[in-house]
Amino acid sequence: MTPGPAADGAMLTSSQIQLAARPVDPLAPCAPGRYADELVMVTHEGSPDGAGAAPLVRTAHFVLCRRGRRVEVGHWLRPGELDNNLAGLLADELFAPGWLSGAEIFERVFTGVVRSCVAGAMPAWLTFYTNTMHRIQECWRSAGPASQPQTPIADFAAIYRRALRLIPAGRVLDIGSGFGFLTLLLARRRQGSVVAADLSPGSVRLLGSVAGALGTPVDTLVCDAAQIPLPTASVDTVAAIHLLEHLGAEHCERTLREAIRLARRRVVAAVPFEPEPTAAYGHIQTFSRADLVRLGRSYGRRFRISEHHGGWLVMYVD
């Protein structure tokens, strides 16, 4: 990672960034090779547009500039490289060193890279989803963990495989579904039906559009994970896979109570074990095995704790 010749060593921090009123719309129209919203501009093939924006830093995949309060990022990723490992590239090259910070900016730059890499909203996202799902399958076919590099896709491939083993056939509610890779994997096994729920309208709209384009039927809900508009005992299993670390302690406990209300059979939750919350990914609390034991005991249900790429809590409702 090398600073540009005119870099002044200043870093972009959350205190320098004015939060936009409008949430990210991953399907919003944008010009080919260029994404722009109130906070960020991302362009494909090198430096951001315009004069006077001297690079703060150049990395293996990105060049970062700023103009006032706007983050400007250039990149040279190709469509074949467009997958969820982008999260690791952004975290390692721009966020962990402190050049950028905050989940809000992370989401916008991530969206901008996807949208600027392939022309058209659905072609771009279908490329991203298809590549990611293919690489998850590649990880599953590999010889074992020792042969896998540590990347977001490799890590989550192992997590998804375990989740699929722990979630029985039937109707499943995937809360905090995000991009919905687990939702799609559950739907593709054709052992019941799947509902994806997330607080982000843009993420839910994107998942519904991609699932329809891929011919993989899923139902979707926009809601708080602690207030889901479904009847009691309306699904067989509730999955909360890497959701709880995004919630405060009280919100986390209400979410698990809501999951127990909705599940007829079990609640399956997974969390990362990390020394401190990863702010770029929107994490705000950490968990240990002891924390999961405490949560399991607090609801008065049979439960089981295990470890596999983080911690797992399975609570049995039936």
C-alpha atoms as a PDB file:
ATOM      1  CA  MET A   1       0.000   0.000   0.000  1.00  0.00           C
ATOM      2  CA  THR A   2       1.643   3.240  -1.121  1.00  0.00           C
ATOM      3  CA  PRO A   3       0.415   6.808  -0.646  1.00  0.00           C
ATOM      4  CA  GLY A   4       0.064   8.926  -3.755  1.00  0.00           C
ATOM      5  CA  PRO A   5       2.610  11.647  -4.362  1.00  0.00           C
ATOM      6  CA  ALA A   6       0.331  14.402  -3.131  1.00  0.00           C
ATOM      7  CA  ALA A   7      -1.073  12.547  -0.127  1.00  0.00           C
ATOM      8  CA  ASP A   8      -0.935  14.615   3.027  1.00  0.00           C
ATOM      9  CA  GLY A   9      -1.291  11.707   5.438  1.00  0.00           C
ATOM     10  CA  ALA A  10      -4.797  12.754   6.474  1.00  0.00           C
ATOM     11  CA  MET A  11      -7.228   9.952   7.102  1.00  0.00           C
ATOM     12  CA  LEU A  12     -10.936   9.828   6.485  1.00  0.00           C
ATOM     13  CA  THR A  13     -12.817   9.153   9.689  1.00  0.00           C
ATOM     14  CA  SER A  14     -16.482   8.920  10.557  1.00  0.00           C
ATOM     15  CA  SER A  15     -16.325  12.349  12.208  1.00  0.00           C
ATOM     16  CA  GLN A  16     -15.484  13.838   8.801  1.00  0.00           C
ATOM     17  CA  ILE A  17     -18.415  12.218   7.045  1.00  0.00           C
ATOM     18  CA  GLN A  18     -21.903  13.692   7.002  1.00  0.00           C
ATOM     19  CA  LEU A  19     -24.426  10.864   6.952  1.00  0.00           C
ATOM     20  CA  ALA A  20     -26.790  11.013   4.015  1.00  0.00           C
ATOM     21  CA  ALA A  21     -30.538  11.161   4.582  1.00  0.00           C
ATOM     22  CA  ARG A  22     -31.296   8.597   1.886  1.00  0.00           C
ATOM     23  CA  PRO A  23     -30.384   4.934   2.422  1.00  0.00           C
ATOM     24  CA  VAL A  24     -28.381   3.021  -0.151  1.00  0.00           C
ATOM     25  CA  ASP A  25     -30.412   1.807  -3.131  1.00  0.00           C
ATOM     26  CA  PRO A  26     -28.386  -0.995  -4.756  1.00  0.00           C
ATOM     27  CA  LEU A  27     -30.634  -0.957  -7.827  1.00  0.00           C
ATOM     28  CA  ALA A  28     -30.654   2.803  -8.453  1.00  0.00           C
ATOM     29  CA  PRO A  29     -29.768   3.912 -12.003  1.00  0.00           C
ATOM     30  CA  CYS A  30     -26.170   4.942 -12.587  1.00  0.00           C
ATOM     31  CA  ALA A  31     -23.885   5.617 -15.525  1.00  0.00           C
ATOM     32  CA  PRO A  32     -21.789   2.704 -16.861  1.00  0.00           C
ATOM     33  CA  GLY A  33     -18.502   2.446 -14.984  1.00  0.00           C
ATOM     34  CA  ARG A  34     -19.513   5.045 -12.394  1.00  0.00           C
ATOM     35  CA  TYR A  35     -21.560   5.045  -9.181  1.00  0.00           C
ATOM     36  CA  ALA A  36     -22.330   8.182  -7.202  1.00  0.00           C
ATOM     37  CA  ASP A  37     -24.502   9.109  -4.245  1.00  0.00           C
ATOM     38  CA  GLU A  38     -24.417  11.857  -1.612  1.00  0.00           C
ATOM     39  CA  LEU A  39     -21.358  10.445   0.143  1.00  0.00           C
ATOM     40  CA  VAL A  40     -19.288   8.426  -2.310  1.00  0.00           C
ATOM     41  CA  MET A  41     -18.296   8.216  -5.949  1.00  0.00           C
ATOM     42  CA  VAL A  42     -16.785   5.009  -7.325  1.00  0.00           C
ATOM     43  CA  THR A  43     -15.358   4.677 -10.816  1.00  0.00           C
ATOM     44  CA  HIS A  44     -13.980   1.734 -12.738  1.00  0.00           C
ATOM     45  CA  GLU A  45     -10.566   1.715 -14.422  1.00  0.00           C
ATOM     46  CA  GLY A  46      -8.292   3.861 -12.310  1.00  0.00           C
ATOM     47  CA  SER A  47      -8.530   7.305 -10.747  1.00  0.00           C
ATOM     48  CA  PRO A  48     -11.797   9.046  -9.915  1.00  0.00           C
ATOM     49  CA  ASP A  49     -13.056  11.597 -12.401  1.00  0.00           C
ATOM     50  CA  GLY A  50     -11.998  15.177 -12.444  1.00  0.00           C
ATOM     51  CA  ALA A  51      -8.990  17.272 -11.651  1.00  0.00           C
ATOM     52  CA  GLY A  52      -7.795  18.425  -8.272  1.00  0.00           C
ATOM     53  CA  ALA A  53      -8.486  15.214  -6.341  1.00  0.00           C
ATOM     54  CA  ALA A  54      -4.968  14.071  -5.477  1.00  0.00           C
ATOM     55  CA  PRO A  55      -4.821  10.428  -4.331  1.00  0.00           C
ATOM     56  CA  LEU A  56      -4.618   9.842  -0.606  1.00  0.00           C
ATOM     57  CA  VAL A  57      -3.560   6.245  -1.116  1.00  0.00           C
ATOM     58  CA  ARG A  58      -3.117   3.634  -3.816  1.00  0.00           C
ATOM     59  CA  THR A  59      -3.479  -0.042  -2.950  1.00  0.00           C
ATOM     60  CA  ALA A  60      -3.426  -3.288  -4.910  1.00  0.00           C
ATOM     61  CA  HIS A  61      -7.035  -2.813  -6.013  1.00  0.00           C
ATOM     62  CA  PHE A  62      -8.093   0.769  -5.229  1.00  0.00           C
ATOM     63  CA  VAL A  63      -7.125   4.409  -5.398  1.00  0.00           C
ATOM     64  CA  LEU A  64      -8.705   6.699  -2.817  1.00  0.00           C
ATOM     65  CA  CYS A  65      -9.246  10.450  -3.152  1.00  0.00           C
ATOM     66  CA  ARG A  66     -11.439  12.963  -1.410  1.00  0.00           C
ATOM     67  CA  ARG A  67     -13.099  16.146  -2.515  1.00  0.00           C
ATOM     68  CA  GLY A  68     -14.622  17.975   0.442  1.00  0.00           C
ATOM     69  CA  ARG A  69     -16.697  15.453   2.367  1.00  0.00           C
ATOM     70  CA  ARG A  70     -17.131  13.066  -0.549  1.00  0.00           C
ATOM     71  CA  VAL A  71     -15.213   9.791  -0.705  1.00  0.00           C
ATOM     72  CA  GLU A  72     -13.951   9.041  -4.218  1.00  0.00           C
ATOM     73  CA  VAL A  73     -12.654   5.560  -5.053  1.00  0.00           C
ATOM     74  CA  GLY A  74     -11.275   4.181  -8.286  1.00  0.00           C
ATOM     75  CA  HIS A  75     -10.792   0.453  -8.862  1.00  0.00           C
ATOM     76  CA  TRP A  76      -9.764  -1.979 -11.587  1.00  0.00           C
ATOM     77  CA  LEU A  77     -11.621  -5.161 -10.643  1.00  0.00           C
ATOM     78  CA  ARG A  78     -12.888  -7.269 -13.552  1.00  0.00           C
ATOM     79  CA  PRO A  79     -16.316  -8.928 -13.708  1.00  0.00           C
ATOM     80  CA  GLY A  80     -14.752 -12.330 -13.064  1.00  0.00           C
ATOM     81  CA  GLU A  81     -13.310 -11.001  -9.786  1.00  0.00           C
ATOM     82  CA  LEU A  82     -16.610  -9.557  -8.583  1.00  0.00           C
ATOM     83  CA  ASP A  83     -17.759 -11.591  -5.594  1.00  0.00           C
ATOM     84  CA  ASN A  84     -18.175 -11.299  -1.831  1.00  0.00           C
ATOM     85  CA  ASN A  85     -14.407 -11.394  -1.305  1.00  0.00           C
ATOM     86  CA  LEU A  86     -14.713  -7.712  -2.151  1.00  0.00           C
ATOM     87  CA  ALA A  87     -15.609  -7.264   1.532  1.00  0.00           C
ATOM     88  CA  GLY A  88     -12.168  -8.511   2.533  1.00  0.00           C
ATOM     89  CA  LEU A  89     -10.381  -6.369  -0.048  1.00  0.00           C
ATOM     90  CA  LEU A  90     -12.092  -3.200   1.152  1.00  0.00           C
ATOM     91  CA  ALA A  91     -11.598  -4.061   4.821  1.00  0.00           C
ATOM     92  CA  ASP A  92      -7.909  -4.940   4.438  1.00  0.00           C
ATOM     93  CA  GLU A  93      -6.859  -2.172   2.056  1.00  0.00           C
ATOM     94  CA  LEU A  94      -9.004   0.831   2.990  1.00  0.00           C
ATOM     95  CA  PHE A  95     -10.770   0.329   6.325  1.00  0.00           C
ATOM     96  CA  ALA A  96      -8.367  -1.570   8.598  1.00  0.00           C
ATOM     97  CA  PRO A  97      -5.523   0.929   7.903  1.00  0.00           C
ATOM     98  CA  GLY A  98      -7.895   3.791   8.783  1.00  0.00           C
ATOM     99  CA  TRP A  99      -8.203   5.475   5.385  1.00  0.00           C
ATOM    100  CA  LEU A 100     -11.964   4.985   5.598  1.00  0.00           C
ATOM    101  CA  SER A 101     -14.220   4.091   8.507  1.00  0.00           C
ATOM    102  CA  GLY A 102     -17.802   3.215   9.352  1.00  0.00           C
ATOM    103  CA  ALA A 103     -20.355   0.692   8.135  1.00  0.00           C
ATOM    104  CA  GLU A 104     -22.267   3.398   6.240  1.00  0.00           C
ATOM    105  CA  ILE A 105     -19.309   4.238   4.003  1.00  0.00           C
ATOM    106  CA  PHE A 106     -18.340   0.569   3.693  1.00  0.00           C
ATOM    107  CA  GLU A 107     -21.785  -0.314   2.330  1.00  0.00           C
ATOM    108  CA  ARG A 108     -21.756   2.563  -0.137  1.00  0.00           C
ATOM    109  CA  VAL A 109     -18.262   1.900  -1.474  1.00  0.00           C
ATOM    110  CA  PHE A 110     -19.059  -1.827  -1.730  1.00  0.00           C
ATOM    111  CA  THR A 111     -22.233  -1.054  -3.696  1.00  0.00           C
ATOM    112  CA  GLY A 112     -20.315   1.379  -5.864  1.00  0.00           C
ATOM    113  CA  VAL A 113     -17.655  -1.166  -6.804  1.00  0.00           C
ATOM    114  CA  VAL A 114     -20.288  -3.737  -7.789  1.00  0.00           C
ATOM    115  CA  ARG A 115     -22.349  -1.259  -9.801  1.00  0.00           C
ATOM    116  CA  SER A 116     -19.350   0.296 -11.580  1.00  0.00           C
ATOM    117  CA  CYS A 117     -17.822  -3.055 -12.528  1.00  0.00           C
ATOM    118  CA  VAL A 118     -20.664  -4.225 -14.813  1.00  0.00           C
ATOM    119  CA  ALA A 119     -23.108  -2.006 -16.712  1.00  0.00           C
ATOM    120  CA  GLY A 120     -26.715  -2.243 -15.542  1.00  0.00           C
ATOM    121  CA  ALA A 121     -28.089  -2.896 -12.059  1.00  0.00           C
ATOM    122  CA  MET A 122     -29.279  -6.479 -12.476  1.00  0.00           C
ATOM    123  CA  PRO A 123     -26.356  -7.617 -14.674  1.00  0.00           C
ATOM    124  CA  ALA A 124     -23.926  -6.259 -12.057  1.00  0.00           C
ATOM    125  CA  TRP A 125     -25.626  -7.899  -9.092  1.00  0.00           C
ATOM    126  CA  LEU A 126     -26.265 -11.170 -10.922  1.00  0.00           C
ATOM    127  CA  THR A 127     -22.547 -11.303 -11.742  1.00  0.00           C
ATOM    128  CA  PHE A 128     -21.739 -10.711  -8.060  1.00  0.00           C
ATOM    129  CA  TYR A 129     -24.214 -13.319  -6.803  1.00  0.00           C
ATOM    130  CA  THR A 130     -23.404 -15.943  -9.436  1.00  0.00           C
ATOM    131  CA  ASN A 131     -19.644 -15.641  -8.827  1.00  0.00           C
ATOM    132  CA  THR A 132     -20.090 -15.804  -5.056  1.00  0.00           C
ATOM    133  CA  MET A 133     -22.424 -18.805  -5.102  1.00  0.00           C
ATOM    134  CA  HIS A 134     -20.072 -20.609  -7.503  1.00  0.00           C
ATOM    135  CA  ARG A 135     -17.096 -19.968  -5.227  1.00  0.00           C
ATOM    136  CA  ILE A 136     -19.012 -21.177  -2.178  1.00  0.00           C
ATOM    137  CA  GLN A 137     -19.585 -24.438  -4.043  1.00  0.00           C
ATOM    138  CA  GLU A 138     -15.883 -24.551  -4.970  1.00  0.00           C
ATOM    139  CA  CYS A 139     -14.974 -24.253  -1.292  1.00  0.00           C
ATOM    140  CA  TRP A 140     -17.296 -27.137  -0.461  1.00  0.00           C
ATOM    141  CA  ARG A 141     -15.670 -29.307  -3.130  1.00  0.00           C
ATOM    142  CA  SER A 142     -12.139 -28.609  -1.928  1.00  0.00           C
ATOM    143  CA  ALA A 143     -10.064 -31.103   0.038  1.00  0.00           C
ATOM    144  CA  GLY A 144     -10.441 -29.340   3.409  1.00  0.00           C
ATOM    145  CA  PRO A 145      -9.799 -26.190   5.435  1.00  0.00           C
ATOM    146  CA  ALA A 146      -6.031 -26.415   5.029  1.00  0.00           C
ATOM    147  CA  SER A 147      -6.388 -25.887   1.265  1.00  0.00           C
ATOM    148  CA  GLN A 148      -8.549 -22.778   1.629  1.00  0.00           C
ATOM    149  CA  PRO A 149      -7.170 -19.249   1.870  1.00  0.00           C
ATOM    150  CA  GLN A 150      -8.742 -17.135   4.595  1.00  0.00           C
ATOM    151  CA  THR A 151     -11.251 -15.057   2.651  1.00  0.00           C
ATOM    152  CA  PRO A 152     -14.824 -13.952   3.398  1.00  0.00           C
ATOM    153  CA  ILE A 153     -16.212 -16.519   0.968  1.00  0.00           C
ATOM    154  CA  ALA A 154     -14.126 -19.390   2.369  1.00  0.00           C
ATOM    155  CA  ASP A 155     -15.066 -18.450   5.938  1.00  0.00           C
ATOM    156  CA  PHE A 156     -18.763 -18.183   5.176  1.00  0.00           C
ATOM    157  CA  ALA A 157     -18.783 -21.307   3.018  1.00  0.00           C
ATOM    158  CA  ALA A 158     -17.883 -23.251   6.160  1.00  0.00           C
ATOM    159  CA  ILE A 159     -20.492 -21.356   8.178  1.00  0.00           C
ATOM    160  CA  TYR A 160     -23.221 -21.934   5.576  1.00  0.00           C
ATOM    161  CA  ARG A 161     -22.415 -25.634   5.349  1.00  0.00           C
ATOM    162  CA  ARG A 162     -22.814 -26.013   9.101  1.00  0.00           C
ATOM    163  CA  ALA A 163     -26.019 -23.944   9.092  1.00  0.00           C
ATOM    164  CA  LEU A 164     -27.516 -26.170   6.397  1.00  0.00           C
ATOM    165  CA  ARG A 165     -26.733 -29.213   8.541  1.00  0.00           C
ATOM    166  CA  LEU A 166     -28.293 -27.683  11.663  1.00  0.00           C
ATOM    167  CA  ILE A 167     -31.435 -26.330   9.982  1.00  0.00           C
ATOM    168  CA  PRO A 168     -33.928 -29.155   9.366  1.00  0.00           C
ATOM    169  CA  ALA A 169     -36.363 -29.354   6.470  1.00  0.00           C
ATOM    170  CA  GLY A 170     -39.457 -27.190   6.750  1.00  0.00           C
ATOM    171  CA  ARG A 171     -40.288 -23.498   6.754  1.00  0.00           C
ATOM    172  CA  VAL A 172     -37.265 -21.364   7.687  1.00  0.00           C
ATOM    173  CA  LEU A 173     -37.067 -17.706   8.663  1.00  0.00           C
ATOM    174  CA  ASP A 174     -33.624 -16.203   7.963  1.00  0.00           C
ATOM    175  CA  ILE A 175     -33.395 -13.014  10.052  1.00  0.00           C
ATOM    176  CA  GLY A 176     -30.755 -10.426   9.254  1.00  0.00           C
ATOM    177  CA  SER A 177     -30.481 -12.045   5.838  1.00  0.00           C
ATOM    178  CA  GLY A 178     -28.262  -9.342   4.276  1.00  0.00           C
ATOM    179  CA  PHE A 179     -27.285 -10.367   0.746  1.00  0.00           C
ATOM    180  CA  GLY A 180     -29.188 -13.602   1.332  1.00  0.00           C
ATOM    181  CA  PHE A 181     -26.619 -16.201   0.311  1.00  0.00           C
ATOM    182  CA  LEU A 182     -27.848 -18.553   3.044  1.00  0.00           C
ATOM    183  CA  THR A 183     -31.448 -17.810   2.046  1.00  0.00           C
ATOM    184  CA  LEU A 184     -30.704 -18.867  -1.536  1.00  0.00           C
ATOM    185  CA  LEU A 185     -28.834 -21.991  -0.423  1.00  0.00           C
ATOM    186  CA  LEU A 186     -31.750 -23.002   1.793  1.00  0.00           C
ATOM    187  CA  ALA A 187     -34.234 -22.417  -1.021  1.00  0.00           C
ATOM    188  CA  ARG A 188     -32.137 -24.388  -3.510  1.00  0.00           C
ATOM    189  CA  ARG A 189     -32.142 -27.526  -1.396  1.00  0.00           C
ATOM    190  CA  ARG A 190     -35.953 -27.664  -1.902  1.00  0.00           C
ATOM    191  CA  GLN A 191     -36.773 -29.068   1.528  1.00  0.00           C
ATOM    192  CA  GLY A 192     -39.387 -26.499   2.491  1.00  0.00           C
ATOM    193  CA  SER A 193     -39.842 -22.752   2.095  1.00  0.00           C
ATOM    194  CA  VAL A 194     -37.755 -19.757   3.152  1.00  0.00           C
ATOM    195  CA  VAL A 195     -38.568 -16.264   4.388  1.00  0.00           C
ATOM    196  CA  ALA A 196     -35.777 -13.677   4.440  1.00  0.00           C
ATOM    197  CA  ALA A 197     -36.106 -10.733   6.836  1.00  0.00           C
ATOM    198  CA  ASP A 198     -33.840  -7.711   7.071  1.00  0.00           C
ATOM    199  CA  LEU A 199     -34.074  -4.130   8.307  1.00  0.00           C
ATOM    200  CA  SER A 200     -32.614  -2.727   5.071  1.00  0.00           C
ATOM    201  CA  PRO A 201     -35.254  -2.128   2.358  1.00  0.00           C
ATOM    202  CA  GLY A 202     -32.521  -1.995  -0.279  1.00  0.00           C
ATOM    203  CA  SER A 203     -31.056  -5.369   0.711  1.00  0.00           C
ATOM    204  CA  VAL A 204     -34.492  -7.000   0.793  1.00  0.00           C
ATOM    205  CA  ARG A 205     -35.450  -5.562  -2.587  1.00  0.00           C
ATOM    206  CA  LEU A 206     -32.144  -6.693  -4.054  1.00  0.00           C
ATOM    207  CA  LEU A 207     -32.482 -10.234  -2.705  1.00  0.00           C
ATOM    208  CA  GLY A 208     -36.052 -10.524  -3.978  1.00  0.00           C
ATOM    209  CA  SER A 209     -35.005  -9.330  -7.436  1.00  0.00           C
ATOM    210  CA  VAL A 210     -31.992 -11.645  -7.636  1.00  0.00           C
ATOM    211  CA  ALA A 211     -33.944 -14.654  -6.305  1.00  0.00           C
ATOM    212  CA  GLY A 212     -36.599 -14.069  -8.954  1.00  0.00           C
ATOM    213  CA  ALA A 213     -34.004 -13.752 -11.721  1.00  0.00           C
ATOM    214  CA  LEU A 214     -32.320 -16.982 -10.556  1.00  0.00           C
ATOM    215  CA  GLY A 215     -35.632 -18.849 -10.373  1.00  0.00           C
ATOM    216  CA  THR A 216     -35.219 -19.450  -6.644  1.00  0.00           C
ATOM    217  CA  PRO A 217     -38.476 -18.569  -4.857  1.00  0.00           C
ATOM    218  CA  VAL A 218     -38.159 -16.831  -1.487  1.00  0.00           C
ATOM    219  CA  ASP A 219     -40.481 -14.640   0.551  1.00  0.00           C
ATOM    220  CA  THR A 220     -39.105 -11.407   1.972  1.00  0.00           C
ATOM    221  CA  LEU A 221     -39.897  -9.037   4.843  1.00  0.00           C
ATOM    222  CA  VAL A 222     -38.532  -5.617   5.774  1.00  0.00           C
ATOM    223  CA  CYS A 223     -38.592  -5.458   9.567  1.00  0.00           C
ATOM    224  CA  ASP A 224     -36.647  -5.211  12.810  1.00  0.00           C
ATOM    225  CA  ALA A 225     -35.412  -8.648  13.885  1.00  0.00           C
ATOM    226  CA  ALA A 226     -37.016  -8.062  17.299  1.00  0.00           C
ATOM    227  CA  GLN A 227     -40.432  -7.205  15.815  1.00  0.00           C
ATOM    228  CA  ILE A 228     -41.304  -9.582  13.008  1.00  0.00           C
ATOM    229  CA  PRO A 229     -44.880  -9.377  11.672  1.00  0.00           C
ATOM    230  CA  LEU A 230     -45.557 -13.130  11.646  1.00  0.00           C
ATOM    231  CA  PRO A 231     -47.817 -15.244  13.886  1.00  0.00           C
ATOM    232  CA  THR A 232     -46.455 -17.228  16.810  1.00  0.00           C
ATOM    233  CA  ALA A 233     -45.023 -20.648  15.838  1.00  0.00           C
ATOM    234  CA  SER A 234     -45.345 -19.808  12.141  1.00  0.00           C
ATOM    235  CA  VAL A 235     -41.995 -21.290  11.018  1.00  0.00           C
ATOM    236  CA  ASP A 236     -40.120 -24.465  11.871  1.00  0.00           C
ATOM    237  CA  THR A 237     -36.689 -22.882  12.321  1.00  0.00           C
ATOM    238  CA  VAL A 238     -35.408 -19.358  12.813  1.00  0.00           C
ATOM    239  CA  ALA A 239     -31.826 -18.764  11.635  1.00  0.00           C
ATOM    240  CA  ALA A 240     -29.801 -15.821  12.954  1.00  0.00           C
ATOM    241  CA  ILE A 241     -26.437 -16.344  11.268  1.00  0.00           C
ATOM    242  CA  HIS A 242     -23.936 -13.572  12.027  1.00  0.00           C
ATOM    243  CA  LEU A 243     -26.665 -11.143  13.032  1.00  0.00           C
ATOM    244  CA  LEU A 244     -26.346 -10.765  16.803  1.00  0.00           C
ATOM    245  CA  GLU A 245     -22.942  -9.036  16.670  1.00  0.00           C
ATOM    246  CA  HIS A 246     -24.672  -6.193  14.796  1.00  0.00           C
ATOM    247  CA  LEU A 247     -27.066  -5.577  17.714  1.00  0.00           C
ATOM    248  CA  GLY A 248     -26.703  -4.065  21.158  1.00  0.00           C
ATOM    249  CA  ALA A 249     -27.109  -6.365  24.154  1.00  0.00           C
ATOM    250  CA  GLU A 250     -30.746  -5.517  24.870  1.00  0.00           C
ATOM    251  CA  HIS A 251     -31.697  -5.652  21.189  1.00  0.00           C
ATOM    252  CA  CYS A 252     -29.945  -9.017  20.890  1.00  0.00           C
ATOM    253  CA  GLU A 253     -31.934 -10.486  23.780  1.00  0.00           C
ATOM    254  CA  ARG A 254     -35.251  -9.197  22.370  1.00  0.00           C
ATOM    255  CA  THR A 255     -34.350 -10.651  18.973  1.00  0.00           C
ATOM    256  CA  LEU A 256     -33.708 -14.106  20.415  1.00  0.00           C
ATOM    257  CA  ARG A 257     -36.963 -13.929  22.382  1.00  0.00           C
ATOM    258  CA  GLU A 258     -38.798 -13.061  19.176  1.00  0.00           C
ATOM    259  CA  ALA A 259     -37.086 -15.952  17.390  1.00  0.00           C
ATOM    260  CA  ILE A 260     -38.274 -18.363  20.091  1.00  0.00           C
ATOM    261  CA  ARG A 261     -41.817 -17.015  19.713  1.00  0.00           C
ATOM    262  CA  LEU A 262     -41.797 -17.688  15.978  1.00  0.00           C
ATOM    263  CA  ALA A 263     -40.074 -21.096  15.903  1.00  0.00           C
ATOM    264  CA  ARG A 264     -41.913 -24.384  16.220  1.00  0.00           C
ATOM    265  CA  ARG A 265     -38.748 -26.479  16.421  1.00  0.00           C
ATOM    266  CA  ARG A 266     -35.483 -24.595  16.931  1.00  0.00           C
ATOM    267  CA  VAL A 267     -33.510 -21.386  16.753  1.00  0.00           C
ATOM    268  CA  VAL A 268     -30.031 -21.554  15.186  1.00  0.00           C
ATOM    269  CA  ALA A 269     -27.704 -18.625  15.893  1.00  0.00           C
ATOM    270  CA  ALA A 270     -24.055 -18.152  14.917  1.00  0.00           C
ATOM    271  CA  VAL A 271     -21.640 -15.374  15.877  1.00  0.00           C
ATOM    272  CA  PRO A 272     -17.978 -14.634  15.189  1.00  0.00           C
ATOM    273  CA  PHE A 273     -15.437 -14.854  17.982  1.00  0.00           C
ATOM    274  CA  GLU A 274     -13.362 -11.694  17.568  1.00  0.00           C
ATOM    275  CA  PRO A 275     -11.270  -9.686  20.037  1.00  0.00           C
ATOM    276  CA  GLU A 276     -13.148  -6.471  19.239  1.00  0.00           C
ATOM    277  CA  PRO A 277     -16.097  -5.601  17.006  1.00  0.00           C
ATOM    278  CA  THR A 278     -15.222  -5.144  13.328  1.00  0.00           C
ATOM    279  CA  ALA A 279     -16.662  -1.676  12.765  1.00  0.00           C
ATOM    280  CA  ALA A 280     -16.425  -1.778   8.956  1.00  0.00           C
ATOM    281  CA  TYR A 281     -18.835  -4.720   8.944  1.00  0.00           C
ATOM    282  CA  GLY A 282     -21.197  -2.990  11.369  1.00  0.00           C
ATOM    283  CA  HIS A 283     -20.308  -5.132  14.398  1.00  0.00           C
ATOM    284  CA  ILE A 284     -21.000  -3.445  17.735  1.00  0.00           C
ATOM    285  CA  GLN A 285     -20.488  -6.244  20.277  1.00  0.00           C
ATOM    286  CA  THR A 286     -18.370  -9.355  20.706  1.00  0.00           C
ATOM    287  CA  PHE A 287     -19.208 -12.815  22.019  1.00  0.00           C
ATOM    288  CA  SER A 288     -17.401 -15.583  23.838  1.00  0.00           C
ATOM    289  CA  ARG A 289     -18.481 -19.137  24.506  1.00  0.00           C
ATOM    290  CA  ALA A 290     -19.477 -18.036  28.015  1.00  0.00           C
ATOM    291  CA  ASP A 291     -21.713 -15.321  26.549  1.00  0.00           C
ATOM    292  CA  LEU A 292     -23.521 -17.905  24.427  1.00  0.00           C
ATOM    293  CA  VAL A 293     -24.001 -20.166  27.446  1.00  0.00           C
ATOM    294  CA  ARG A 294     -25.481 -17.230  29.364  1.00  0.00           C
ATOM    295  CA  LEU A 295     -27.871 -16.455  26.508  1.00  0.00           C
ATOM    296  CA  GLY A 296     -28.909 -20.087  26.199  1.00  0.00           C
ATOM    297  CA  ARG A 297     -29.684 -20.366  29.910  1.00  0.00           C
ATOM    298  CA  SER A 298     -31.636 -17.124  30.020  1.00  0.00           C
ATOM    299  CA  TYR A 299     -34.542 -18.396  27.901  1.00  0.00           C
ATOM    300  CA  GLY A 300     -35.321 -21.588  29.809  1.00  0.00           C
ATOM    301  CA  ARG A 301     -35.055 -23.865  26.753  1.00  0.00           C
ATOM    302  CA  ARG A 302     -32.844 -26.819  25.969  1.00  0.00           C
ATOM    303  CA  PHE A 303     -29.809 -25.548  24.140  1.00  0.00           C
ATOM    304  CA  ARG A 304     -26.455 -26.607  22.749  1.00  0.00           C
ATOM    305  CA  ILE A 305     -23.264 -24.604  22.271  1.00  0.00           C
ATOM    306  CA  SER A 306     -20.571 -25.494  19.736  1.00  0.00           C
ATOM    307  CA  GLU A 307     -17.664 -23.864  17.941  1.00  0.00           C
ATOM    308  CA  HIS A 308     -17.006 -23.864  14.207  1.00  0.00           C
ATOM    309  CA  HIS A 309     -15.660 -20.690  12.568  1.00  0.00           C
ATOM    310  CA  GLY A 310     -17.080 -18.858  15.567  1.00  0.00           C
ATOM    311  CA  GLY A 311     -19.723 -19.798  18.094  1.00  0.00           C
ATOM    312  CA  TRP A 312     -23.082 -21.520  17.636  1.00  0.00           C
ATOM    313  CA  LEU A 313     -26.154 -21.506  19.863  1.00  0.00           C
ATOM    314  CA  VAL A 314     -29.007 -23.890  19.031  1.00  0.00           C
ATOM    315  CA  MET A 315     -32.128 -23.548  21.177  1.00  0.00           C
ATOM    316  CA  TYR A 316     -34.764 -26.282  20.978  1.00  0.00           C
ATOM    317  CA  VAL A 317     -38.354 -25.120  21.170  1.00  0.00           C
ATOM    318  CA  ASP A 318     -40.186 -28.406  20.549  1.00  0.00           C
END
